Amino acid sequence: SFSGEVGISAWNGFAMARFCAQDAARLRADMMAVLARTGAALPRL
């Protein structure tokens, strides 16, 4: 479902996802998709 490039890995007890996209809208959509998988509640804004 990602429209840009997303890479993720885990080490030292934490995970990190990296994002790169052609514009902010696509990256924001990818970020929201990743956060949904973590169970995080997004701010209303």
PDB file of all heavy atoms in Angstrom:
ATOM      1  N   SER A   1       0.812  -1.221   0.000  1.00  0.00           N
ATOM      2  CA  SER A   1       0.000   0.000   0.000  1.00  0.00           C
ATOM      3  C   SER A   1       0.844   1.270   0.000  1.00  0.00           C
ATOM      4  O   SER A   1       0.311   2.368  -0.171  1.00  0.00           O
ATOM      5  CB  SER A   1      -0.922   0.011   1.221  1.00  0.00           C
ATOM      6  OG  SER A   1      -0.165   0.162   2.429  1.00  0.00           O
ATOM      7  N   PHE A   2       2.163   1.138   0.176  1.00  0.00           N
ATOM      8  CA  PHE A   2       3.016   2.317   0.247  1.00  0.00           C
ATOM      9  C   PHE A   2       3.192   2.939  -1.140  1.00  0.00           C
ATOM     10  O   PHE A   2       3.421   2.232  -2.120  1.00  0.00           O
ATOM     11  CB  PHE A   2       4.393   1.962   0.822  1.00  0.00           C
ATOM     12  CG  PHE A   2       4.351   1.451   2.237  1.00  0.00           C
ATOM     13  CD1 PHE A   2       5.253   0.487   2.673  1.00  0.00           C
ATOM     14  CD2 PHE A   2       3.413   1.927   3.144  1.00  0.00           C
ATOM     15  CE1 PHE A   2       5.223   0.010   3.976  1.00  0.00           C
ATOM     16  CE2 PHE A   2       3.368   1.450   4.446  1.00  0.00           C
ATOM     17  CZ  PHE A   2       4.272   0.490   4.856  1.00  0.00           C
ATOM     18  N   SER A   3       3.110   4.272  -1.195  1.00  0.00           N
ATOM     19  CA  SER A   3       3.318   4.972  -2.471  1.00  0.00           C
ATOM     20  C   SER A   3       4.745   5.479  -2.617  1.00  0.00           C
ATOM     21  O   SER A   3       5.174   5.837  -3.705  1.00  0.00           O
ATOM     22  CB  SER A   3       2.339   6.148  -2.596  1.00  0.00           C
ATOM     23  OG  SER A   3       2.475   7.037  -1.495  1.00  0.00           O
ATOM     24  N   GLY A   4       5.499   5.516  -1.522  1.00  0.00           N
ATOM     25  CA  GLY A   4       6.910   5.881  -1.568  1.00  0.00           C
ATOM     26  C   GLY A   4       7.758   4.710  -1.119  1.00  0.00           C
ATOM     27  O   GLY A   4       7.302   3.562  -1.114  1.00  0.00           O
ATOM     28  N   GLU A   5       8.984   5.004  -0.744  1.00  0.00           N
ATOM     29  CA  GLU A   5       9.880   3.955  -0.238  1.00  0.00           C
ATOM     30  C   GLU A   5       9.838   3.949   1.287  1.00  0.00           C
ATOM     31  O   GLU A   5       9.924   4.994   1.925  1.00  0.00           O
ATOM     32  CB  GLU A   5      11.307   4.207  -0.713  1.00  0.00           C
ATOM     33  CG  GLU A   5      11.491   4.071  -2.211  1.00  0.00           C
ATOM     34  CD  GLU A   5      12.951   4.131  -2.608  1.00  0.00           C
ATOM     35  OE1 GLU A   5      13.783   3.533  -1.898  1.00  0.00           O
ATOM     36  OE2 GLU A   5      13.261   4.793  -3.615  1.00  0.00           O
ATOM     37  N   VAL A   6       9.720   2.744   1.849  1.00  0.00           N
ATOM     38  CA  VAL A   6       9.688   2.583   3.292  1.00  0.00           C
ATOM     39  C   VAL A   6      10.594   1.411   3.663  1.00  0.00           C
ATOM     40  O   VAL A   6      10.474   0.323   3.098  1.00  0.00           O
ATOM     41  CB  VAL A   6       8.261   2.309   3.821  1.00  0.00           C
ATOM     42  CG1 VAL A   6       8.280   2.155   5.340  1.00  0.00           C
ATOM     43  CG2 VAL A   6       7.309   3.418   3.402  1.00  0.00           C
ATOM     44  N   GLY A   7      11.500   1.645   4.590  1.00  0.00           N
ATOM     45  CA  GLY A   7      12.348   0.578   5.113  1.00  0.00           C
ATOM     46  C   GLY A   7      12.243   0.552   6.619  1.00  0.00           C
ATOM     47  O   GLY A   7      12.141   1.604   7.258  1.00  0.00           O
ATOM     48  N   ILE A   8      12.240  -0.641   7.193  1.00  0.00           N
ATOM     49  CA  ILE A   8      12.109  -0.746   8.650  1.00  0.00           C
ATOM     50  C   ILE A   8      12.990  -1.871   9.167  1.00  0.00           C
ATOM     51  O   ILE A   8      13.162  -2.901   8.511  1.00  0.00           O
ATOM     52  CB  ILE A   8      10.644  -0.975   9.076  1.00  0.00           C
ATOM     53  CG1 ILE A   8      10.531  -1.036  10.607  1.00  0.00           C
ATOM     54  CG2 ILE A   8      10.056  -2.221   8.426  1.00  0.00           C
ATOM     55  CD1 ILE A   8       9.132  -0.928  11.138  1.00  0.00           C
ATOM     56  N   SER A   9      13.550  -1.656  10.341  1.00  0.00           N
ATOM     57  CA  SER A   9      14.369  -2.674  10.991  1.00  0.00           C
ATOM     58  C   SER A   9      14.280  -2.473  12.496  1.00  0.00           C
ATOM     59  O   SER A   9      13.799  -1.440  12.975  1.00  0.00           O
ATOM     60  CB  SER A   9      15.821  -2.596  10.513  1.00  0.00           C
ATOM     61  OG  SER A   9      16.350  -1.307  10.749  1.00  0.00           O
ATOM     62  N   ALA A  10      14.747  -3.482  13.248  1.00  0.00           N
ATOM     63  CA  ALA A  10      14.717  -3.424  14.707  1.00  0.00           C
ATOM     64  C   ALA A  10      16.062  -3.874  15.253  1.00  0.00           C
ATOM     65  O   ALA A  10      16.666  -4.821  14.746  1.00  0.00           O
ATOM     66  CB  ALA A  10      13.594  -4.305  15.255  1.00  0.00           C
ATOM     67  N   TRP A  11      16.531  -3.174  16.281  1.00  0.00           N
ATOM     68  CA  TRP A  11      17.758  -3.552  16.970  1.00  0.00           C
ATOM     69  C   TRP A  11      17.796  -2.809  18.307  1.00  0.00           C
ATOM     70  O   TRP A  11      17.081  -1.822  18.494  1.00  0.00           O
ATOM     71  CB  TRP A  11      18.998  -3.253  16.113  1.00  0.00           C
ATOM     72  CG  TRP A  11      19.395  -1.821  15.996  1.00  0.00           C
ATOM     73  CD1 TRP A  11      20.386  -1.178  16.665  1.00  0.00           C
ATOM     74  CD2 TRP A  11      18.804  -0.820  15.130  1.00  0.00           C
ATOM     75  NE1 TRP A  11      20.475   0.144  16.285  1.00  0.00           N
ATOM     76  CE2 TRP A  11      19.520   0.380  15.347  1.00  0.00           C
ATOM     77  CE3 TRP A  11      17.754  -0.833  14.221  1.00  0.00           C
ATOM     78  CZ2 TRP A  11      19.198   1.568  14.681  1.00  0.00           C
ATOM     79  CZ3 TRP A  11      17.433   0.338  13.555  1.00  0.00           C
ATOM     80  CH2 TRP A  11      18.154   1.516  13.789  1.00  0.00           C
ATOM     81  N   ASN A  12      18.587  -3.301  19.226  1.00  0.00           N
ATOM     82  CA  ASN A  12      18.745  -2.667  20.541  1.00  0.00           C
ATOM     83  C   ASN A  12      17.417  -2.439  21.263  1.00  0.00           C
ATOM     84  O   ASN A  12      17.284  -1.526  22.082  1.00  0.00           O
ATOM     85  CB  ASN A  12      19.480  -1.322  20.413  1.00  0.00           C
ATOM     86  CG  ASN A  12      20.981  -1.491  20.319  1.00  0.00           C
ATOM     87  OD1 ASN A  12      21.493  -2.602  20.451  1.00  0.00           O
ATOM     88  ND2 ASN A  12      21.687  -0.405  20.088  1.00  0.00           N
ATOM     89  N   GLY A  13      16.405  -3.254  20.936  1.00  0.00           N
ATOM     90  CA  GLY A  13      15.130  -3.146  21.632  1.00  0.00           C
ATOM     91  C   GLY A  13      14.178  -2.108  21.082  1.00  0.00           C
ATOM     92  O   GLY A  13      13.135  -1.833  21.693  1.00  0.00           O
ATOM     93  N   PHE A  14      14.486  -1.498  19.926  1.00  0.00           N
ATOM     94  CA  PHE A  14      13.572  -0.536  19.320  1.00  0.00           C
ATOM     95  C   PHE A  14      13.513  -0.779  17.809  1.00  0.00           C
ATOM     96  O   PHE A  14      14.350  -1.475  17.232  1.00  0.00           O
ATOM     97  CB  PHE A  14      13.986   0.911  19.617  1.00  0.00           C
ATOM     98  CG  PHE A  14      15.314   1.311  19.026  1.00  0.00           C
ATOM     99  CD1 PHE A  14      15.387   1.854  17.749  1.00  0.00           C
ATOM    100  CD2 PHE A  14      16.495   1.165  19.745  1.00  0.00           C
ATOM    101  CE1 PHE A  14      16.599   2.235  17.200  1.00  0.00           C
ATOM    102  CE2 PHE A  14      17.713   1.532  19.212  1.00  0.00           C
ATOM    103  CZ  PHE A  14      17.763   2.071  17.934  1.00  0.00           C
ATOM    104  N   ALA A  15      12.502  -0.201  17.178  1.00  0.00           N
ATOM    105  CA  ALA A  15      12.337  -0.304  15.729  1.00  0.00           C
ATOM    106  C   ALA A  15      12.394   1.086  15.124  1.00  0.00           C
ATOM    107  O   ALA A  15      12.034   2.077  15.765  1.00  0.00           O
ATOM    108  CB  ALA A  15      11.014  -0.977  15.383  1.00  0.00           C
ATOM    109  N   MET A  16      12.842   1.147  13.877  1.00  0.00           N
ATOM    110  CA  MET A  16      12.908   2.413  13.168  1.00  0.00           C
ATOM    111  C   MET A  16      12.451   2.226  11.727  1.00  0.00           C
ATOM    112  O   MET A  16      12.895   1.300  11.044  1.00  0.00           O
ATOM    113  CB  MET A  16      14.322   2.993  13.200  1.00  0.00           C
ATOM    114  CG  MET A  16      14.470   4.290  12.412  1.00  0.00           C
ATOM    115  SD  MET A  16      16.045   5.113  12.736  1.00  0.00           S
ATOM    116  CE  MET A  16      15.708   5.848  14.334  1.00  0.00           C
ATOM    117  N   ALA A  17      11.546   3.091  11.294  1.00  0.00           N
ATOM    118  CA  ALA A  17      11.080   3.086   9.913  1.00  0.00           C
ATOM    119  C   ALA A  17      11.581   4.350   9.233  1.00  0.00           C
ATOM    120  O   ALA A  17      11.503   5.451   9.803  1.00  0.00           O
ATOM    121  CB  ALA A  17       9.558   3.027   9.849  1.00  0.00           C
ATOM    122  N   ARG A  18      12.091   4.192   8.012  1.00  0.00           N
ATOM    123  CA  ARG A  18      12.567   5.319   7.202  1.00  0.00           C
ATOM    124  C   ARG A  18      11.633   5.491   6.007  1.00  0.00           C
ATOM    125  O   ARG A  18      11.219   4.505   5.389  1.00  0.00           O
ATOM    126  CB  ARG A  18      13.971   5.054   6.686  1.00  0.00           C
ATOM    127  CG  ARG A  18      14.985   4.674   7.749  1.00  0.00           C
ATOM    128  CD  ARG A  18      15.524   5.888   8.449  1.00  0.00           C
ATOM    129  NE  ARG A  18      16.744   5.580   9.178  1.00  0.00           N
ATOM    130  CZ  ARG A  18      17.431   6.445   9.889  1.00  0.00           C
ATOM    131  NH1 ARG A  18      17.026   7.696   9.970  1.00  0.00           N
ATOM    132  NH2 ARG A  18      18.530   6.078  10.523  1.00  0.00           N
ATOM    133  N   PHE A  19      11.354   6.739   5.677  1.00  0.00           N
ATOM    134  CA  PHE A  19      10.433   7.036   4.594  1.00  0.00           C
ATOM    135  C   PHE A  19      11.080   7.991   3.593  1.00  0.00           C
ATOM    136  O   PHE A  19      11.835   8.892   3.973  1.00  0.00           O
ATOM    137  CB  PHE A  19       9.157   7.712   5.125  1.00  0.00           C
ATOM    138  CG  PHE A  19       8.411   6.910   6.149  1.00  0.00           C
ATOM    139  CD1 PHE A  19       8.818   6.904   7.478  1.00  0.00           C
ATOM    140  CD2 PHE A  19       7.291   6.181   5.802  1.00  0.00           C
ATOM    141  CE1 PHE A  19       8.133   6.180   8.431  1.00  0.00           C
ATOM    142  CE2 PHE A  19       6.587   5.456   6.748  1.00  0.00           C
ATOM    143  CZ  PHE A  19       7.013   5.451   8.065  1.00  0.00           C
ATOM    144  N   CYS A  20      10.737   7.816   2.327  1.00  0.00           N
ATOM    145  CA  CYS A  20      11.147   8.756   1.283  1.00  0.00           C
ATOM    146  C   CYS A  20      10.058   8.758   0.217  1.00  0.00           C
ATOM    147  O   CYS A  20       9.602   7.691  -0.219  1.00  0.00           O
ATOM    148  CB  CYS A  20      12.484   8.341   0.672  1.00  0.00           C
ATOM    149  SG  CYS A  20      13.083   9.496  -0.593  1.00  0.00           S
ATOM    150  N   ALA A  21       9.620   9.948  -0.189  1.00  0.00           N
ATOM    151  CA  ALA A  21       8.546  10.056  -1.176  1.00  0.00           C
ATOM    152  C   ALA A  21       8.740  11.308  -2.016  1.00  0.00           C
ATOM    153  O   ALA A  21       9.531  12.199  -1.680  1.00  0.00           O
ATOM    154  CB  ALA A  21       7.182  10.074  -0.494  1.00  0.00           C
ATOM    155  N   GLN A  22       7.994  11.380  -3.100  1.00  0.00           N
ATOM    156  CA  GLN A  22       8.101  12.518  -4.008  1.00  0.00           C
ATOM    157  C   GLN A  22       7.507  13.789  -3.422  1.00  0.00           C
ATOM    158  O   GLN A  22       7.896  14.886  -3.802  1.00  0.00           O
ATOM    159  CB  GLN A  22       7.406  12.196  -5.339  1.00  0.00           C
ATOM    160  CG  GLN A  22       8.103  11.110  -6.143  1.00  0.00           C
ATOM    161  CD  GLN A  22       9.513  11.504  -6.519  1.00  0.00           C
ATOM    162  OE1 GLN A  22       9.741  12.588  -7.068  1.00  0.00           O
ATOM    163  NE2 GLN A  22      10.472  10.642  -6.234  1.00  0.00           N
ATOM    164  N   ASP A  23       6.551  13.653  -2.503  1.00  0.00           N
ATOM    165  CA  ASP A  23       5.939  14.838  -1.899  1.00  0.00           C
ATOM    166  C   ASP A  23       5.430  14.493  -0.507  1.00  0.00           C
ATOM    167  O   ASP A  23       5.395  13.326  -0.093  1.00  0.00           O
ATOM    168  CB  ASP A  23       4.813  15.399  -2.772  1.00  0.00           C
ATOM    169  CG  ASP A  23       3.754  14.366  -3.098  1.00  0.00           C
ATOM    170  OD1 ASP A  23       3.222  13.740  -2.163  1.00  0.00           O
ATOM    171  OD2 ASP A  23       3.470  14.161  -4.290  1.00  0.00           O
ATOM    172  N   ALA A  24       5.021  15.525   0.210  1.00  0.00           N
ATOM    173  CA  ALA A  24       4.608  15.362   1.604  1.00  0.00           C
ATOM    174  C   ALA A  24       3.344  14.534   1.732  1.00  0.00           C
ATOM    175  O   ALA A  24       3.201  13.746   2.672  1.00  0.00           O
ATOM    176  CB  ALA A  24       4.402  16.735   2.238  1.00  0.00           C
ATOM    177  N   ALA A  25       2.386  14.700   0.808  1.00  0.00           N
ATOM    178  CA  ALA A  25       1.118  13.983   0.909  1.00  0.00           C
ATOM    179  C   ALA A  25       1.334  12.474   0.851  1.00  0.00           C
ATOM    180  O   ALA A  25       0.737  11.714   1.629  1.00  0.00           O
ATOM    181  CB  ALA A  25       0.174  14.434  -0.198  1.00  0.00           C
ATOM    182  N   ARG A  26       2.181  12.022  -0.065  1.00  0.00           N
ATOM    183  CA  ARG A  26       2.431  10.583  -0.175  1.00  0.00           C
ATOM    184  C   ARG A  26       3.162  10.059   1.055  1.00  0.00           C
ATOM    185  O   ARG A  26       2.854   8.967   1.563  1.00  0.00           O
ATOM    186  CB  ARG A  26       3.246  10.301  -1.437  1.00  0.00           C
ATOM    187  CG  ARG A  26       2.517  10.652  -2.722  1.00  0.00           C
ATOM    188  CD  ARG A  26       3.384  10.364  -3.940  1.00  0.00           C
ATOM    189  NE  ARG A  26       2.793  10.930  -5.134  1.00  0.00           N
ATOM    190  CZ  ARG A  26       3.329  10.824  -6.353  1.00  0.00           C
ATOM    191  NH1 ARG A  26       4.472  10.163  -6.516  1.00  0.00           N
ATOM    192  NH2 ARG A  26       2.726  11.359  -7.393  1.00  0.00           N
ATOM    193  N   LEU A  27       4.139  10.822   1.537  1.00  0.00           N
ATOM    194  CA  LEU A  27       4.878  10.362   2.709  1.00  0.00           C
ATOM    195  C   LEU A  27       3.977  10.328   3.934  1.00  0.00           C
ATOM    196  O   LEU A  27       4.038   9.386   4.732  1.00  0.00           O
ATOM    197  CB  LEU A  27       6.094  11.248   2.955  1.00  0.00           C
ATOM    198  CG  LEU A  27       7.128  10.646   3.924  1.00  0.00           C
ATOM    199  CD1 LEU A  27       8.523  11.078   3.553  1.00  0.00           C
ATOM    200  CD2 LEU A  27       6.841  11.033   5.365  1.00  0.00           C
ATOM    201  N   ARG A  28       3.134  11.318   4.069  1.00  0.00           N
ATOM    202  CA  ARG A  28       2.220  11.369   5.216  1.00  0.00           C
ATOM    203  C   ARG A  28       1.290  10.155   5.212  1.00  0.00           C
ATOM    204  O   ARG A  28       1.017   9.558   6.255  1.00  0.00           O
ATOM    205  CB  ARG A  28       1.423  12.672   5.162  1.00  0.00           C
ATOM    206  CG  ARG A  28       0.571  12.957   6.401  1.00  0.00           C
ATOM    207  CD  ARG A  28      -0.203  14.237   6.172  1.00  0.00           C
ATOM    208  NE  ARG A  28      -1.074  14.573   7.271  1.00  0.00           N
ATOM    209  CZ  ARG A  28      -0.842  15.513   8.170  1.00  0.00           C
ATOM    210  NH1 ARG A  28       0.278  16.191   8.114  1.00  0.00           N
ATOM    211  NH2 ARG A  28      -1.719  15.772   9.116  1.00  0.00           N
ATOM    212  N   ALA A  29       0.800   9.779   4.013  1.00  0.00           N
ATOM    213  CA  ALA A  29      -0.074   8.609   3.902  1.00  0.00           C
ATOM    214  C   ALA A  29       0.673   7.340   4.298  1.00  0.00           C
ATOM    215  O   ALA A  29       0.121   6.469   4.997  1.00  0.00           O
ATOM    216  CB  ALA A  29      -0.614   8.492   2.475  1.00  0.00           C
ATOM    217  N   ASP A  30       1.923   7.228   3.879  1.00  0.00           N
ATOM    218  CA  ASP A  30       2.724   6.060   4.255  1.00  0.00           C
ATOM    219  C   ASP A  30       2.974   6.030   5.760  1.00  0.00           C
ATOM    220  O   ASP A  30       2.913   4.977   6.396  1.00  0.00           O
ATOM    221  CB  ASP A  30       4.054   6.070   3.507  1.00  0.00           C
ATOM    222  CG  ASP A  30       3.909   5.752   2.030  1.00  0.00           C
ATOM    223  OD1 ASP A  30       2.822   5.290   1.633  1.00  0.00           O
ATOM    224  OD2 ASP A  30       4.879   5.981   1.274  1.00  0.00           O
ATOM    225  N   MET A  31       3.265   7.201   6.332  1.00  0.00           N
ATOM    226  CA  MET A  31       3.503   7.284   7.775  1.00  0.00           C
ATOM    227  C   MET A  31       2.253   6.847   8.544  1.00  0.00           C
ATOM    228  O   MET A  31       2.345   6.093   9.528  1.00  0.00           O
ATOM    229  CB  MET A  31       3.901   8.702   8.161  1.00  0.00           C
ATOM    230  CG  MET A  31       4.181   8.917   9.636  1.00  0.00           C
ATOM    231  SD  MET A  31       5.810   8.341  10.173  1.00  0.00           S
ATOM    232  CE  MET A  31       6.854   9.701   9.614  1.00  0.00           C
ATOM    233  N   MET A  32       1.088   7.293   8.107  1.00  0.00           N
ATOM    234  CA  MET A  32      -0.157   6.934   8.786  1.00  0.00           C
ATOM    235  C   MET A  32      -0.420   5.437   8.693  1.00  0.00           C
ATOM    236  O   MET A  32      -0.920   4.818   9.644  1.00  0.00           O
ATOM    237  CB  MET A  32      -1.314   7.743   8.210  1.00  0.00           C
ATOM    238  CG  MET A  32      -1.224   9.234   8.528  1.00  0.00           C
ATOM    239  SD  MET A  32      -2.487  10.243   7.705  1.00  0.00           S
ATOM    240  CE  MET A  32      -3.965   9.714   8.571  1.00  0.00           C
ATOM    241  N   ALA A  33      -0.069   4.838   7.550  1.00  0.00           N
ATOM    242  CA  ALA A  33      -0.251   3.392   7.393  1.00  0.00           C
ATOM    243  C   ALA A  33       0.649   2.627   8.358  1.00  0.00           C
ATOM    244  O   ALA A  33       0.232   1.618   8.951  1.00  0.00           O
ATOM    245  CB  ALA A  33       0.043   2.985   5.955  1.00  0.00           C
ATOM    246  N   VAL A  34       1.867   3.105   8.524  1.00  0.00           N
ATOM    247  CA  VAL A  34       2.791   2.457   9.465  1.00  0.00           C
ATOM    248  C   VAL A  34       2.297   2.627  10.899  1.00  0.00           C
ATOM    249  O   VAL A  34       2.289   1.666  11.691  1.00  0.00           O
ATOM    250  CB  VAL A  34       4.214   3.034   9.302  1.00  0.00           C
ATOM    251  CG1 VAL A  34       5.103   2.625  10.470  1.00  0.00           C
ATOM    252  CG2 VAL A  34       4.820   2.574   7.989  1.00  0.00           C
ATOM    253  N   LEU A  35       1.873   3.825  11.258  1.00  0.00           N
ATOM    254  CA  LEU A  35       1.412   4.068  12.622  1.00  0.00           C
ATOM    255  C   LEU A  35       0.174   3.234  12.947  1.00  0.00           C
ATOM    256  O   LEU A  35      -0.009   2.797  14.098  1.00  0.00           O
ATOM    257  CB  LEU A  35       1.123   5.554  12.822  1.00  0.00           C
ATOM    258  CG  LEU A  35       2.336   6.487  12.708  1.00  0.00           C
ATOM    259  CD1 LEU A  35       1.926   7.923  13.004  1.00  0.00           C
ATOM    260  CD2 LEU A  35       3.455   6.052  13.638  1.00  0.00           C
ATOM    261  N   ALA A  36      -0.674   2.997  11.947  1.00  0.00           N
ATOM    262  CA  ALA A  36      -1.851   2.151  12.162  1.00  0.00           C
ATOM    263  C   ALA A  36      -1.433   0.747  12.572  1.00  0.00           C
ATOM    264  O   ALA A  36      -2.092   0.098  13.405  1.00  0.00           O
ATOM    265  CB  ALA A  36      -2.704   2.107  10.907  1.00  0.00           C
ATOM    266  N   ARG A  37      -0.314   0.270  12.021  1.00  0.00           N
ATOM    267  CA  ARG A  37       0.166  -1.069  12.355  1.00  0.00           C
ATOM    268  C   ARG A  37       0.752  -1.128  13.766  1.00  0.00           C
ATOM    269  O   ARG A  37       0.856  -2.208  14.350  1.00  0.00           O
ATOM    270  CB  ARG A  37       1.236  -1.494  11.345  1.00  0.00           C
ATOM    271  CG  ARG A  37       0.686  -1.723   9.944  1.00  0.00           C
ATOM    272  CD  ARG A  37       0.038  -3.079   9.833  1.00  0.00           C
ATOM    273  NE  ARG A  37      -0.704  -3.236   8.591  1.00  0.00           N
ATOM    274  CZ  ARG A  37      -1.054  -4.402   8.083  1.00  0.00           C
ATOM    275  NH1 ARG A  37      -0.722  -5.511   8.720  1.00  0.00           N
ATOM    276  NH2 ARG A  37      -1.749  -4.475   6.971  1.00  0.00           N
ATOM    277  N   THR A  38       1.150   0.003  14.308  1.00  0.00           N
ATOM    278  CA  THR A  38       1.684   0.026  15.673  1.00  0.00           C
ATOM    279  C   THR A  38       0.572   0.142  16.713  1.00  0.00           C
ATOM    280  O   THR A  38       0.832   0.003  17.905  1.00  0.00           O
ATOM    281  CB  THR A  38       2.650   1.206  15.873  1.00  0.00           C
ATOM    282  OG1 THR A  38       1.912   2.441  15.872  1.00  0.00           O
ATOM    283  CG2 THR A  38       3.712   1.239  14.781  1.00  0.00           C
ATOM    284  N   GLY A  39      -0.648   0.449  16.251  1.00  0.00           N
ATOM    285  CA  GLY A  39      -1.759   0.646  17.175  1.00  0.00           C
ATOM    286  C   GLY A  39      -1.824   2.032  17.757  1.00  0.00           C
ATOM    287  O   GLY A  39      -2.603   2.289  18.673  1.00  0.00           O
ATOM    288  N   ALA A  40      -1.016   2.953  17.234  1.00  0.00           N
ATOM    289  CA  ALA A  40      -0.980   4.321  17.763  1.00  0.00           C
ATOM    290  C   ALA A  40      -2.237   5.091  17.369  1.00  0.00           C
ATOM    291  O   ALA A  40      -2.761   4.935  16.262  1.00  0.00           O
ATOM    292  CB  ALA A  40       0.250   5.046  17.241  1.00  0.00           C
ATOM    293  N   ALA A  41      -2.711   5.930  18.284  1.00  0.00           N
ATOM    294  CA  ALA A  41      -3.838   6.816  17.993  1.00  0.00           C
ATOM    295  C   ALA A  41      -3.291   8.136  17.467  1.00  0.00           C
ATOM    296  O   ALA A  41      -2.471   8.783  18.124  1.00  0.00           O
ATOM    297  CB  ALA A  41      -4.654   7.051  19.260  1.00  0.00           C
ATOM    298  N   LEU A  42      -3.735   8.529  16.276  1.00  0.00           N
ATOM    299  CA  LEU A  42      -3.250   9.757  15.672  1.00  0.00           C
ATOM    300  C   LEU A  42      -3.906  10.981  16.288  1.00  0.00           C
ATOM    301  O   LEU A  42      -5.099  10.929  16.646  1.00  0.00           O
ATOM    302  CB  LEU A  42      -3.507   9.746  14.172  1.00  0.00           C
ATOM    303  CG  LEU A  42      -2.717   8.738  13.346  1.00  0.00           C
ATOM    304  CD1 LEU A  42      -3.229   8.710  11.919  1.00  0.00           C
ATOM    305  CD2 LEU A  42      -1.244   9.081  13.370  1.00  0.00           C
ATOM    306  N   PRO A  43      -3.176  12.092  16.408  1.00  0.00           N
ATOM    307  CA  PRO A  43      -3.814  13.341  16.874  1.00  0.00           C
ATOM    308  C   PRO A  43      -4.914  13.767  15.908  1.00  0.00           C
ATOM    309  O   PRO A  43      -4.836  13.515  14.701  1.00  0.00           O
ATOM    310  CB  PRO A  43      -2.645  14.345  16.856  1.00  0.00           C
ATOM    311  CG  PRO A  43      -1.413  13.512  16.911  1.00  0.00           C
ATOM    312  CD  PRO A  43      -1.744  12.255  16.172  1.00  0.00           C
ATOM    313  N   ARG A  44      -5.939  14.413  16.435  1.00  0.00           N
ATOM    314  CA  ARG A  44      -7.049  14.835  15.598  1.00  0.00           C
ATOM    315  C   ARG A  44      -6.604  15.771  14.480  1.00  0.00           C
ATOM    316  O   ARG A  44      -7.162  15.771  13.386  1.00  0.00           O
ATOM    317  CB  ARG A  44      -8.111  15.524  16.465  1.00  0.00           C
ATOM    318  CG  ARG A  44      -8.762  14.618  17.484  1.00  0.00           C
ATOM    319  CD  ARG A  44      -9.706  15.399  18.395  1.00  0.00           C
ATOM    320  NE  ARG A  44     -10.234  14.547  19.470  1.00  0.00           N
ATOM    321  CZ  ARG A  44     -10.978  15.002  20.453  1.00  0.00           C
ATOM    322  NH1 ARG A  44     -11.282  16.300  20.525  1.00  0.00           N
ATOM    323  NH2 ARG A  44     -11.428  14.167  21.400  1.00  0.00           N
ATOM    324  N   LEU A  45      -5.581  16.591  14.755  1.00  0.00           N
ATOM    325  CA  LEU A  45      -5.107  17.535  13.748  1.00  0.00           C
ATOM    326  C   LEU A  45      -4.521  16.832  12.530  1.00  0.00           C
ATOM    327  O   LEU A  45      -4.457  17.413  11.451  1.00  0.00           O
ATOM    328  CB  LEU A  45      -4.077  18.487  14.365  1.00  0.00           C
ATOM    329  CG  LEU A  45      -4.637  19.507  15.354  1.00  0.00           C
ATOM    330  CD1 LEU A  45      -3.528  20.196  16.112  1.00  0.00           C
ATOM    331  CD2 LEU A  45      -5.480  20.536  14.622  1.00  0.00           C
TER     332      LEU A  45
END
